N, C-alpha and C. Protein backbone atom coordinates (compact mmCIF):
# COMPACT_ATOMS: atom_id res chain seq x y z
N UNK A 1 0.95 -63.64 35.88
CA UNK A 1 2.19 -63.42 35.22
C UNK A 1 3.60 -64.09 36.38
N UNK A 2 4.42 -64.84 35.53
CA UNK A 2 5.42 -65.07 36.57
C UNK A 2 6.61 -64.03 35.91
N UNK A 3 7.39 -63.40 36.97
CA UNK A 3 8.66 -62.47 36.84
C UNK A 3 9.77 -63.25 37.82
N UNK A 4 10.86 -63.73 36.91
CA UNK A 4 12.03 -63.75 37.48
C UNK A 4 13.42 -63.20 37.41
N UNK A 5 14.14 -63.10 38.29
CA UNK A 5 15.49 -62.59 38.18
C UNK A 5 16.59 -62.82 39.27
N UNK A 6 17.78 -62.50 38.92
CA UNK A 6 19.07 -62.53 39.97
C UNK A 6 18.99 -61.25 40.77
N UNK A 7 18.86 -60.64 41.88
CA UNK A 7 18.92 -59.54 42.41
C UNK A 7 20.10 -59.44 42.92
N UNK A 8 20.38 -57.91 43.12
CA UNK A 8 21.40 -56.83 43.73
C UNK A 8 21.18 -56.51 45.04
N UNK A 9 19.62 -56.51 45.44
CA UNK A 9 19.27 -55.65 46.31
C UNK A 9 19.48 -56.70 47.51
N UNK A 10 19.32 -55.64 49.05
CA UNK A 10 19.33 -56.78 50.27
C UNK A 10 18.05 -57.10 50.47
N UNK A 11 17.77 -58.43 50.78
CA UNK A 11 16.52 -58.86 50.78
C UNK A 11 16.28 -59.52 52.22
N UNK A 12 15.20 -59.14 52.77
CA UNK A 12 14.88 -59.58 53.78
C UNK A 12 13.37 -59.64 54.28
N UNK A 13 13.06 -59.88 55.16
CA UNK A 13 11.60 -60.17 55.50
C UNK A 13 10.85 -58.43 55.68
N UNK A 14 11.64 -57.69 56.20
CA UNK A 14 10.78 -56.18 55.84
C UNK A 14 10.68 -55.68 54.55
N UNK A 15 11.90 -55.95 53.55
CA UNK A 15 11.95 -55.54 52.26
C UNK A 15 10.80 -56.37 51.37
N UNK A 16 10.61 -57.46 51.88
CA UNK A 16 9.70 -58.45 51.17
C UNK A 16 8.33 -57.97 51.40
N UNK A 17 7.91 -57.54 52.58
CA UNK A 17 6.66 -56.88 52.97
C UNK A 17 6.25 -55.67 52.31
N UNK A 18 7.45 -54.59 52.18
CA UNK A 18 6.99 -53.84 51.40
C UNK A 18 6.91 -53.70 50.23
N UNK A 19 7.89 -54.52 49.26
CA UNK A 19 7.60 -54.92 48.07
C UNK A 19 6.22 -55.54 47.48
N UNK A 20 5.98 -56.44 48.43
CA UNK A 20 4.63 -57.17 47.84
C UNK A 20 3.50 -56.13 48.20
N UNK A 21 3.38 -55.26 49.06
CA UNK A 21 2.37 -54.21 49.42
C UNK A 21 2.34 -53.22 48.40
N UNK A 22 3.96 -52.60 47.99
CA UNK A 22 4.11 -51.62 47.18
C UNK A 22 3.71 -51.79 45.89
N UNK A 23 4.25 -53.39 45.51
CA UNK A 23 3.32 -53.77 43.86
C UNK A 23 2.13 -53.53 43.98
N UNK A 24 1.60 -54.40 44.93
CA UNK A 24 -0.25 -54.24 44.87
C UNK A 24 -0.61 -52.82 44.51
N UNK A 25 -0.12 -52.00 45.24
CA UNK A 25 -0.73 -50.69 45.48
C UNK A 25 -0.27 -49.74 43.98
N UNK A 26 0.94 -50.41 43.62
CA UNK A 26 1.37 -49.66 42.09
C UNK A 26 0.55 -50.33 41.04
N UNK A 27 0.33 -51.38 41.08
CA UNK A 27 -0.80 -51.97 40.01
C UNK A 27 -2.31 -51.67 40.28
N UNK A 28 -2.70 -50.99 41.45
CA UNK A 28 -4.20 -50.92 41.74
C UNK A 28 -5.00 -52.18 42.00
N UNK A 29 -3.90 -52.89 42.60
CA UNK A 29 -4.74 -54.23 43.40
C UNK A 29 -5.05 -54.08 44.70
N UNK A 30 -6.04 -54.73 45.12
CA UNK A 30 -6.36 -54.54 46.86
C UNK A 30 -5.77 -55.68 47.69
N UNK A 31 -5.01 -55.48 48.46
CA UNK A 31 -4.65 -56.65 49.66
C UNK A 31 -6.03 -56.31 50.69
N UNK A 32 -6.21 -57.67 51.03
CA UNK A 32 -7.00 -57.69 52.07
C UNK A 32 -6.42 -58.03 53.37
N UNK A 33 -5.31 -58.34 53.80
CA UNK A 33 -4.52 -58.85 54.69
C UNK A 33 -3.17 -58.40 54.28
N UNK A 34 -2.29 -58.44 55.64
CA UNK A 34 -0.79 -58.37 55.43
C UNK A 34 -0.01 -59.59 54.61
N UNK A 35 1.03 -59.36 54.28
CA UNK A 35 1.75 -60.70 53.52
C UNK A 35 1.88 -61.50 54.66
N UNK A 36 1.95 -62.82 54.17
CA UNK A 36 2.42 -64.09 55.30
C UNK A 36 3.88 -64.41 54.74
N UNK A 37 4.95 -64.45 55.41
CA UNK A 37 6.16 -64.76 55.08
C UNK A 37 6.68 -65.77 55.83
N UNK A 38 7.22 -66.96 55.24
CA UNK A 38 7.98 -68.14 56.01
C UNK A 38 9.78 -67.79 55.55
N UNK A 39 10.31 -68.31 56.62
CA UNK A 39 11.85 -68.93 56.09
C UNK A 39 12.27 -69.99 56.76
N UNK A 40 12.59 -71.11 56.16
CA UNK A 40 12.75 -72.29 56.33
C UNK A 40 13.52 -72.67 57.32
N UNK A 41 14.87 -71.63 57.72
CA UNK A 41 15.63 -71.83 58.79
C UNK A 41 16.30 -73.15 58.79
N UNK A 42 16.30 -73.83 59.88
CA UNK A 42 16.98 -75.32 59.84
C UNK A 42 16.46 -76.29 59.31
N UNK A 43 15.08 -76.15 58.72
CA UNK A 43 14.48 -77.11 58.11
C UNK A 43 14.60 -77.76 56.68
N UNK A 44 15.61 -76.70 56.31
CA UNK A 44 16.01 -76.67 54.72
C UNK A 44 17.63 -76.66 54.73
N UNK A 45 18.09 -77.06 53.60
CA UNK A 45 19.44 -77.24 53.17
C UNK A 45 19.89 -75.65 53.35
N UNK A 46 21.10 -75.20 53.21
CA UNK A 46 21.69 -74.26 53.23
C UNK A 46 21.31 -73.46 51.77
N UNK A 47 21.55 -74.35 50.79
CA UNK A 47 20.94 -73.64 49.27
C UNK A 47 19.67 -73.58 49.31
N UNK A 48 19.05 -73.77 50.00
CA UNK A 48 17.56 -73.69 50.06
C UNK A 48 17.08 -72.69 50.80
N UNK A 49 17.77 -72.02 51.80
CA UNK A 49 17.60 -70.79 52.57
C UNK A 49 16.93 -69.44 51.81
N UNK A 50 16.13 -68.93 52.53
CA UNK A 50 15.16 -67.54 51.49
C UNK A 50 14.13 -67.28 52.30
N UNK A 51 13.23 -67.18 51.63
CA UNK A 51 11.79 -66.74 51.79
C UNK A 51 10.81 -66.99 51.06
N UNK A 52 9.72 -67.62 51.38
CA UNK A 52 8.16 -67.78 51.04
C UNK A 52 7.31 -66.87 51.58
N UNK A 53 6.37 -66.29 50.50
CA UNK A 53 5.68 -65.24 50.97
C UNK A 53 4.55 -65.71 49.93
N UNK A 54 3.51 -65.00 50.50
CA UNK A 54 2.03 -64.73 49.63
C UNK A 54 1.53 -63.54 50.09
N UNK A 55 0.80 -62.89 49.16
CA UNK A 55 -0.19 -61.26 49.84
C UNK A 55 -1.79 -61.74 49.11
N UNK A 56 -2.72 -61.88 49.86
CA UNK A 56 -3.91 -62.05 49.26
C UNK A 56 -4.50 -60.90 48.91
N UNK A 57 -4.86 -60.99 47.90
CA UNK A 57 -5.60 -59.91 46.80
C UNK A 57 -7.30 -60.33 46.86
N UNK A 58 -7.97 -58.85 46.75
CA UNK A 58 -9.42 -59.48 46.47
C UNK A 58 -9.52 -60.06 45.31
N UNK A 59 -8.69 -60.07 44.45
CA UNK A 59 -9.04 -60.82 43.23
C UNK A 59 -7.96 -62.00 42.95
N UNK A 60 -6.99 -62.15 43.93
CA UNK A 60 -6.30 -63.65 44.18
C UNK A 60 -5.32 -63.21 44.85
N UNK A 61 -3.98 -63.36 44.31
CA UNK A 61 -2.71 -63.34 45.13
C UNK A 61 -1.78 -63.36 44.49
N UNK A 62 -0.54 -62.35 45.17
CA UNK A 62 0.74 -62.71 44.75
C UNK A 62 1.57 -63.65 45.40
N UNK A 63 2.52 -64.45 44.97
CA UNK A 63 3.21 -65.52 45.79
C UNK A 63 4.81 -64.97 45.30
N UNK A 64 5.68 -65.16 46.30
CA UNK A 64 6.96 -64.63 46.14
C UNK A 64 8.08 -65.81 46.93
N UNK A 65 8.88 -66.15 46.00
CA UNK A 65 10.01 -66.97 46.25
C UNK A 65 11.55 -66.55 46.23
N UNK A 66 12.23 -66.65 47.17
CA UNK A 66 13.38 -65.82 47.46
C UNK A 66 14.48 -67.18 47.81
N UNK A 67 15.80 -67.32 46.89
CA UNK A 67 16.56 -67.92 47.30
C UNK A 67 17.76 -67.24 47.59
N UNK A 68 18.15 -67.13 49.21
CA UNK A 68 19.69 -66.17 49.16
C UNK A 68 20.78 -66.38 48.70
N UNK A 69 20.93 -67.93 48.43
CA UNK A 69 22.32 -68.62 48.19
C UNK A 69 22.66 -67.92 46.65
N UNK A 70 21.62 -68.11 45.85
CA UNK A 70 21.41 -67.86 44.49
C UNK A 70 21.27 -66.12 44.09
N UNK A 71 20.66 -65.84 45.34
CA UNK A 71 20.34 -64.30 45.03
C UNK A 71 19.07 -64.28 43.72
N UNK A 72 17.78 -65.07 43.75
CA UNK A 72 17.17 -65.27 42.90
C UNK A 72 15.94 -65.42 43.58
N UNK A 73 14.96 -64.51 42.60
CA UNK A 73 13.73 -64.38 43.26
C UNK A 73 12.71 -64.61 42.01
N UNK A 74 11.42 -65.32 42.17
CA UNK A 74 10.48 -65.57 41.49
C UNK A 74 9.37 -65.07 42.08
N UNK A 75 8.38 -64.22 41.49
CA UNK A 75 7.19 -63.61 41.67
C UNK A 75 5.98 -64.22 41.14
N UNK A 76 5.05 -64.79 41.24
CA UNK A 76 3.90 -65.25 40.59
C UNK A 76 2.73 -64.29 40.74
N UNK A 77 2.32 -63.63 40.00
CA UNK A 77 1.03 -62.35 40.24
C UNK A 77 -0.09 -63.10 39.49
N UNK A 78 -0.94 -63.34 40.37
CA UNK A 78 -2.22 -63.68 40.01
C UNK A 78 -3.57 -63.20 39.96
N UNK A 79 -4.09 -62.64 39.15
CA UNK A 79 -5.41 -61.74 39.27
C UNK A 79 -6.34 -61.87 38.17
N UNK A 80 -7.56 -62.04 38.87
CA UNK A 80 -8.68 -61.76 37.95
C UNK A 80 -9.08 -60.28 37.18
N UNK A 81 -8.23 -59.54 38.44
CA UNK A 81 -8.34 -57.90 37.82
C UNK A 81 -7.16 -57.65 36.79
N UNK A 82 -7.42 -57.13 36.04
CA UNK A 82 -6.24 -56.64 34.74
C UNK A 82 -5.59 -55.63 35.47
N UNK A 83 -4.29 -55.82 35.38
CA UNK A 83 -2.96 -55.07 35.54
C UNK A 83 -1.85 -54.86 34.41
N UNK A 84 -1.27 -53.65 34.61
CA UNK A 84 -0.40 -53.28 33.56
C UNK A 84 0.95 -54.56 33.78
N UNK A 85 1.17 -55.37 33.16
CA UNK A 85 2.26 -56.38 33.16
C UNK A 85 3.74 -55.60 33.08
N UNK A 86 3.91 -54.98 32.23
CA UNK A 86 5.08 -54.21 32.23
C UNK A 86 5.61 -53.29 33.45
N UNK A 87 4.52 -52.77 33.70
CA UNK A 87 4.69 -51.98 35.16
C UNK A 87 4.91 -52.52 36.24
N UNK A 88 4.34 -53.87 36.26
CA UNK A 88 4.90 -54.97 37.09
C UNK A 88 6.23 -55.22 37.19
N UNK A 89 6.72 -55.72 35.97
CA UNK A 89 8.21 -55.86 35.77
C UNK A 89 9.09 -55.00 35.89
N UNK A 90 8.58 -53.83 35.80
CA UNK A 90 9.38 -52.45 36.02
C UNK A 90 9.76 -52.39 37.47
N UNK A 91 8.26 -52.55 38.30
CA UNK A 91 8.70 -52.32 39.66
C UNK A 91 9.32 -53.22 40.46
N UNK A 92 9.29 -54.43 39.84
CA UNK A 92 10.03 -55.74 40.60
C UNK A 92 11.56 -55.39 39.97
N UNK A 93 12.17 -55.18 38.92
CA UNK A 93 13.29 -54.89 38.47
C UNK A 93 13.78 -53.84 39.56
N UNK A 94 13.13 -52.75 39.83
CA UNK A 94 13.58 -51.56 40.60
C UNK A 94 14.06 -52.12 42.36
N UNK A 95 12.71 -52.82 42.64
CA UNK A 95 12.56 -53.20 44.08
C UNK A 95 13.72 -54.26 44.44
N UNK A 96 13.89 -55.09 43.51
CA UNK A 96 14.92 -56.20 43.83
C UNK A 96 16.41 -55.94 43.01
N UNK A 97 16.58 -54.61 42.41
CA UNK A 97 17.75 -54.49 41.93
C UNK A 97 18.30 -55.18 40.76
N UNK A 98 17.23 -55.82 39.77
CA UNK A 98 17.72 -56.58 39.00
C UNK A 98 18.22 -56.04 37.77
N UNK A 99 19.47 -55.90 37.52
CA UNK A 99 19.93 -55.59 36.54
C UNK A 99 20.50 -56.42 35.30
N UNK A 100 20.26 -57.49 35.42
CA UNK A 100 20.29 -58.52 34.09
C UNK A 100 18.74 -58.56 33.62
N UNK A 101 18.89 -59.86 32.69
CA UNK A 101 17.58 -60.15 32.24
C UNK A 101 16.61 -60.57 33.26
N UNK A 102 15.57 -60.29 32.93
CA UNK A 102 14.47 -60.58 33.81
C UNK A 102 13.32 -61.39 32.80
N UNK A 103 13.38 -62.53 33.18
CA UNK A 103 12.46 -63.67 32.59
C UNK A 103 11.03 -63.51 33.23
N UNK A 104 10.17 -63.53 32.15
CA UNK A 104 8.72 -63.09 32.79
C UNK A 104 7.85 -63.83 31.63
N UNK A 105 6.64 -64.25 32.09
CA UNK A 105 5.67 -64.72 30.95
C UNK A 105 4.51 -64.76 31.75
N UNK A 106 3.42 -64.42 30.84
CA UNK A 106 1.94 -64.26 31.02
C UNK A 106 1.35 -65.54 31.00
N UNK A 107 0.63 -66.08 32.02
CA UNK A 107 0.19 -67.21 32.18
C UNK A 107 -1.33 -67.53 31.87
């Protein structure tokens, strides 16, 4: 499932770590390691600053991309285990303070 939207929340490394772990727990998915979080720093243009993150799940994983200048987040939740898509969208809407439209697609 892909979920995207514009954020109003303050997004940093700690927030992403807490959100990924919290999302997995909320959906009953089992993470087997801590999230890996990258920030491009000087390797990227200013408009590409933000974070790339991945949380490994026992049944696959959750990828997250955040562009700070646009305040845009994209989360790809891939799992062979069943989960509640509506609960995932609402969790991410609250965590990231998405007050506008959320784009989502089941893949």
